[in-house]
Amino acid sequence: MQKRYTFEDLRDIIEQLRSENGCPWDKVQTHESLRADMLEEAYEAVDAIDKGDMDNLKEELGDVLMQVVFHSSIEAQKGGFTLDDVIQGICEKMVYRHPHVFGEISVDTA
């Protein structure tokens, strides 16, 4: 039976690829060097939506997600934000923008 990977596995895989003994290409990437890849993956996801190709959409969403994890890893290694910070920010935004669902919740942004 094939292993069923989790989000944590994806995070670990990206960290391993960027580690000292990881992939030479992955280790030297920057936000700027990956800029075109981020755009390409987003466009490919939109193309899959336009074509109604859900198998391809699943694949392309994975590529978009990988870009988010990759960029977060780059920044965390520089001492900046982490993937957890990205998740915290989007959760706060979604709760704040949907008071009709979550009520008037005060979101601590400190």
Protein backbone atom coordinates (compact mmCIF):
# COMPACT_ATOMS: atom_id res chain seq x y z
CA MET A 1 0.00 0.00 0.00
CA GLN A 2 1.29 3.45 -0.93
CA LYS A 3 1.95 5.86 1.93
CA ARG A 4 -0.76 8.47 2.41
CA TYR A 5 1.17 11.72 2.78
CA THR A 6 0.01 14.56 5.04
CA PHE A 7 0.52 18.30 5.08
CA GLU A 8 3.26 17.77 7.66
CA ASP A 9 4.98 15.38 5.26
CA LEU A 10 4.97 18.11 2.59
CA ARG A 11 6.49 20.56 5.04
CA ASP A 12 9.16 18.00 6.00
CA ILE A 13 9.94 17.17 2.35
CA ILE A 14 10.49 20.84 1.48
CA GLU A 15 12.66 21.30 4.57
CA GLN A 16 14.74 18.25 3.62
CA LEU A 17 15.13 19.46 0.04
CA ARG A 18 16.42 22.82 1.34
CA SER A 19 18.63 21.31 4.06
CA GLU A 20 22.43 21.09 3.99
CA ASN A 21 22.28 17.62 2.46
CA GLY A 22 19.27 18.40 0.27
CA CYS A 23 18.87 19.20 -3.40
CA PRO A 24 21.42 21.68 -4.80
CA TRP A 25 18.75 23.39 -6.94
CA ASP A 26 16.19 23.72 -4.14
CA LYS A 27 18.76 25.07 -1.68
CA VAL A 28 19.65 28.10 -3.81
CA GLN A 29 16.14 29.21 -4.75
CA THR A 30 14.87 32.61 -3.67
CA HIS A 31 11.51 34.35 -3.74
CA GLU A 32 12.67 36.11 -6.88
CA SER A 33 13.93 32.98 -8.65
CA LEU A 34 10.59 31.24 -7.96
CA ARG A 35 8.42 34.18 -8.96
CA ALA A 36 7.66 32.87 -12.45
CA ASP A 37 6.95 29.39 -11.07
CA MET A 38 4.36 30.80 -8.66
CA LEU A 39 2.60 32.58 -11.51
CA GLU A 40 2.79 29.56 -13.82
CA GLU A 41 1.28 27.21 -11.23
CA ALA A 42 -1.57 29.64 -10.53
CA TYR A 43 -2.30 30.00 -14.25
CA GLU A 44 -2.22 26.23 -14.71
CA ALA A 45 -4.74 25.81 -11.87
CA VAL A 46 -7.03 28.39 -13.47
CA ASP A 47 -6.68 26.64 -16.84
CA ALA A 48 -7.73 23.34 -15.25
CA ILE A 49 -10.79 25.08 -13.77
CA ASP A 50 -11.66 26.58 -17.15
CA LYS A 51 -11.41 23.14 -18.76
CA GLY A 52 -13.38 21.43 -15.99
CA ASP A 53 -10.45 19.03 -15.55
CA MET A 54 -10.64 18.12 -11.88
CA ASP A 55 -7.81 15.57 -12.03
CA ASN A 56 -5.51 18.25 -13.40
CA LEU A 57 -6.88 20.81 -10.93
CA LYS A 58 -5.96 18.49 -8.07
CA GLU A 59 -2.40 18.28 -9.40
CA GLU A 60 -2.10 22.02 -10.02
CA LEU A 61 -3.46 22.92 -6.59
CA GLY A 62 -0.74 20.69 -5.17
CA ASP A 63 1.83 22.69 -7.15
CA VAL A 64 0.38 25.97 -5.83
CA LEU A 65 0.45 24.60 -2.29
CA MET A 66 4.05 23.51 -2.76
CA GLN A 67 4.93 27.05 -3.79
CA VAL A 68 3.38 28.43 -0.60
CA VAL A 69 5.32 25.94 1.54
CA PHE A 70 8.53 26.57 -0.44
CA HIS A 71 8.34 30.37 -0.10
CA SER A 72 7.53 30.05 3.60
CA SER A 73 10.55 27.77 4.06
CA ILE A 74 12.84 30.26 2.33
CA GLU A 75 11.63 33.05 4.58
CA ALA A 76 11.82 30.97 7.76
CA GLN A 77 15.44 30.06 6.99
CA LYS A 78 16.19 33.79 6.73
CA GLY A 79 14.61 34.36 10.15
CA GLY A 80 11.46 35.92 8.73
CA PHE A 81 7.94 34.58 8.77
CA THR A 82 7.09 30.90 8.99
CA LEU A 83 4.43 28.72 7.42
CA ASP A 84 2.60 28.84 10.74
CA ASP A 85 2.59 32.66 10.45
CA VAL A 86 1.05 32.39 6.98
CA ILE A 87 -1.62 30.03 8.31
CA GLN A 88 -2.29 32.30 11.30
CA GLY A 89 -2.70 35.31 9.03
CA ILE A 90 -5.14 33.69 6.64
CA CYS A 91 -7.21 32.19 9.47
CA GLU A 92 -7.46 35.59 11.15
CA LYS A 93 -8.47 37.18 7.85
CA MET A 94 -11.17 34.60 7.12
CA VAL A 95 -12.67 34.86 10.61
CA TYR A 96 -12.58 38.68 10.47
CA ARG A 97 -14.21 38.81 7.03
CA HIS A 98 -17.03 36.46 7.99
CA PRO A 99 -18.66 37.83 11.15
CA HIS A 100 -21.98 36.45 9.83
CA VAL A 101 -20.50 32.98 10.33
CA PHE A 102 -18.12 33.36 13.28
CA GLY A 103 -19.78 36.26 15.12
CA GLU A 104 -18.06 39.42 16.19
CA ILE A 105 -14.77 37.82 17.14
CA SER A 106 -11.86 39.99 18.14
CA VAL A 107 -8.76 38.82 16.30
CA ASP A 108 -5.48 39.47 18.06
CA THR A 109 -2.95 40.52 15.42
CA ALA A 110 -0.10 41.05 17.87
